[in-house]
Amino acid sequence: MRRTLAVVAALLAALTFPSRSEAAGGQWSARASLATPRQEVGAALLGGRVYVVGGLGGPPLSALASVEVYDPALDGWSSAAP
């Protein structure tokens, strides 16, 4: 699941910041992983950053109330208030 979210974040970042894709010769490249493995999340692009909200984590699966924010310029995740 972590890989799926990394792909979603990379896709959103590539769509928002095409120069990053162009700099890599149009090839996909790995980016920083979420700190908290999760699935069935909400995600949004706001102000050039990718926000990942809630979802399920575990095992055992349980609801997460946390928010993580990806900054493509820094290639890093940080926590945010829910």
C-alpha atoms as a PDB file:
ATOM      1  CA  MET A   1       0.000   0.000   0.000  1.00  0.00           C
ATOM      2  CA  ARG A   2       2.869   2.366   0.753  1.00  0.00           C
ATOM      3  CA  ARG A   3       4.084   1.876  -2.811  1.00  0.00           C
ATOM      4  CA  THR A   4       0.603   2.735  -4.150  1.00  0.00           C
ATOM      5  CA  LEU A   5       0.516   5.991  -2.222  1.00  0.00           C
ATOM      6  CA  ALA A   6       4.034   6.859  -3.327  1.00  0.00           C
ATOM      7  CA  VAL A   7       2.923   6.365  -6.927  1.00  0.00           C
ATOM      8  CA  VAL A   8      -0.152   8.566  -6.361  1.00  0.00           C
ATOM      9  CA  ALA A   9       1.990  11.272  -4.779  1.00  0.00           C
ATOM     10  CA  ALA A  10       4.558  11.036  -7.574  1.00  0.00           C
ATOM     11  CA  LEU A  11       1.803  11.281 -10.166  1.00  0.00           C
ATOM     12  CA  LEU A  12       0.306  14.371  -8.542  1.00  0.00           C
ATOM     13  CA  ALA A  13       3.743  15.931  -8.186  1.00  0.00           C
ATOM     14  CA  ALA A  14       4.616  15.149 -11.814  1.00  0.00           C
ATOM     15  CA  LEU A  15       1.386  16.722 -13.014  1.00  0.00           C
ATOM     16  CA  THR A  16       1.962  19.809 -10.901  1.00  0.00           C
ATOM     17  CA  PHE A  17       5.697  20.151 -11.454  1.00  0.00           C
ATOM     18  CA  PRO A  18       6.458  18.953 -14.994  1.00  0.00           C
ATOM     19  CA  SER A  19      10.027  20.267 -14.798  1.00  0.00           C
ATOM     20  CA  ARG A  20      10.844  17.445 -12.343  1.00  0.00           C
ATOM     21  CA  SER A  21       9.768  14.835 -14.879  1.00  0.00           C
ATOM     22  CA  GLU A  22      11.584  16.633 -17.685  1.00  0.00           C
ATOM     23  CA  ALA A  23      14.768  16.847 -15.594  1.00  0.00           C
ATOM     24  CA  ALA A  24      14.706  13.057 -15.207  1.00  0.00           C
ATOM     25  CA  GLY A  25      14.414  12.580 -18.969  1.00  0.00           C
ATOM     26  CA  GLY A  26      10.695  11.834 -18.772  1.00  0.00           C
ATOM     27  CA  GLN A  27      11.272   8.792 -16.548  1.00  0.00           C
ATOM     28  CA  TRP A  28       9.506   7.918 -13.293  1.00  0.00           C
ATOM     29  CA  SER A  29      11.685   8.097 -10.210  1.00  0.00           C
ATOM     30  CA  ALA A  30      11.172   7.126  -6.568  1.00  0.00           C
ATOM     31  CA  ARG A  31      10.214   9.811  -4.054  1.00  0.00           C
ATOM     32  CA  ALA A  32      10.003   9.880  -0.277  1.00  0.00           C
ATOM     33  CA  SER A  33       7.539   7.402   1.263  1.00  0.00           C
ATOM     34  CA  LEU A  34       4.762   8.272   3.666  1.00  0.00           C
ATOM     35  CA  ALA A  35       5.813   8.003   7.316  1.00  0.00           C
ATOM     36  CA  THR A  36       2.626   6.095   8.189  1.00  0.00           C
ATOM     37  CA  PRO A  37       1.589   3.141   6.021  1.00  0.00           C
ATOM     38  CA  ARG A  38      -2.107   3.550   5.173  1.00  0.00           C
ATOM     39  CA  GLN A  39      -4.779   2.585   2.688  1.00  0.00           C
ATOM     40  CA  GLU A  40      -8.170   3.946   1.607  1.00  0.00           C
ATOM     41  CA  VAL A  41      -7.039   7.532   2.141  1.00  0.00           C
ATOM     42  CA  GLY A  42      -8.305  10.911   1.059  1.00  0.00           C
ATOM     43  CA  ALA A  43      -5.803  12.942  -0.971  1.00  0.00           C
ATOM     44  CA  ALA A  44      -5.782  16.481  -2.327  1.00  0.00           C
ATOM     45  CA  LEU A  45      -3.402  18.826  -4.091  1.00  0.00           C
ATOM     46  CA  LEU A  46      -3.408  22.267  -2.479  1.00  0.00           C
ATOM     47  CA  GLY A  47      -0.854  25.037  -2.809  1.00  0.00           C
ATOM     48  CA  GLY A  48       1.596  22.782  -4.631  1.00  0.00           C
ATOM     49  CA  ARG A  49       1.566  20.169  -1.863  1.00  0.00           C
ATOM     50  CA  VAL A  50      -0.120  16.765  -1.634  1.00  0.00           C
ATOM     51  CA  TYR A  51      -2.260  16.229   1.476  1.00  0.00           C
ATOM     52  CA  VAL A  52      -3.042  12.651   2.535  1.00  0.00           C
ATOM     53  CA  VAL A  53      -5.804  12.415   5.112  1.00  0.00           C
ATOM     54  CA  GLY A  54      -7.035   9.561   7.286  1.00  0.00           C
ATOM     55  CA  GLY A  55      -7.395   6.084   5.914  1.00  0.00           C
ATOM     56  CA  LEU A  56      -6.798   2.728   7.517  1.00  0.00           C
ATOM     57  CA  GLY A  57      -3.561   1.591   9.125  1.00  0.00           C
ATOM     58  CA  GLY A  58      -2.513  -1.482  10.992  1.00  0.00           C
ATOM     59  CA  PRO A  59      -2.457  -4.438  11.407  1.00  0.00           C
ATOM     60  CA  PRO A  60      -5.053  -4.848  12.654  1.00  0.00           C
ATOM     61  CA  LEU A  61      -6.716  -2.292  10.402  1.00  0.00           C
ATOM     62  CA  SER A  62      -7.966   0.726  12.292  1.00  0.00           C
ATOM     63  CA  ALA A  63      -9.017   4.246  11.318  1.00  0.00           C
ATOM     64  CA  LEU A  64      -6.291   6.892  11.207  1.00  0.00           C
ATOM     65  CA  ALA A  65      -7.017  10.528  12.048  1.00  0.00           C
ATOM     66  CA  SER A  66      -3.606  11.828  10.967  1.00  0.00           C
ATOM     67  CA  VAL A  67      -2.656  14.085   8.047  1.00  0.00           C
ATOM     68  CA  GLU A  68       0.626  13.983   6.134  1.00  0.00           C
ATOM     69  CA  VAL A  69       1.763  16.617   3.642  1.00  0.00           C
ATOM     70  CA  TYR A  70       4.183  15.975   0.769  1.00  0.00           C
ATOM     71  CA  ASP A  71       6.308  18.871  -0.479  1.00  0.00           C
ATOM     72  CA  PRO A  72       7.690  18.020  -3.940  1.00  0.00           C
ATOM     73  CA  ALA A  73      10.296  20.783  -3.748  1.00  0.00           C
ATOM     74  CA  LEU A  74      11.840  19.147  -0.661  1.00  0.00           C
ATOM     75  CA  ASP A  75      10.850  15.571  -1.561  1.00  0.00           C
ATOM     76  CA  GLY A  76       9.653  15.062   1.981  1.00  0.00           C
ATOM     77  CA  TRP A  77       6.615  14.462   4.141  1.00  0.00           C
ATOM     78  CA  SER A  78       5.553  16.311   7.273  1.00  0.00           C
ATOM     79  CA  SER A  79       2.662  16.003   9.702  1.00  0.00           C
ATOM     80  CA  ALA A  80      -0.199  18.487   9.773  1.00  0.00           C
ATOM     81  CA  ALA A  81      -3.105  19.093  12.115  1.00  0.00           C
ATOM     82  CA  PRO A  82      -6.218  17.093  11.233  1.00  0.00           C
END
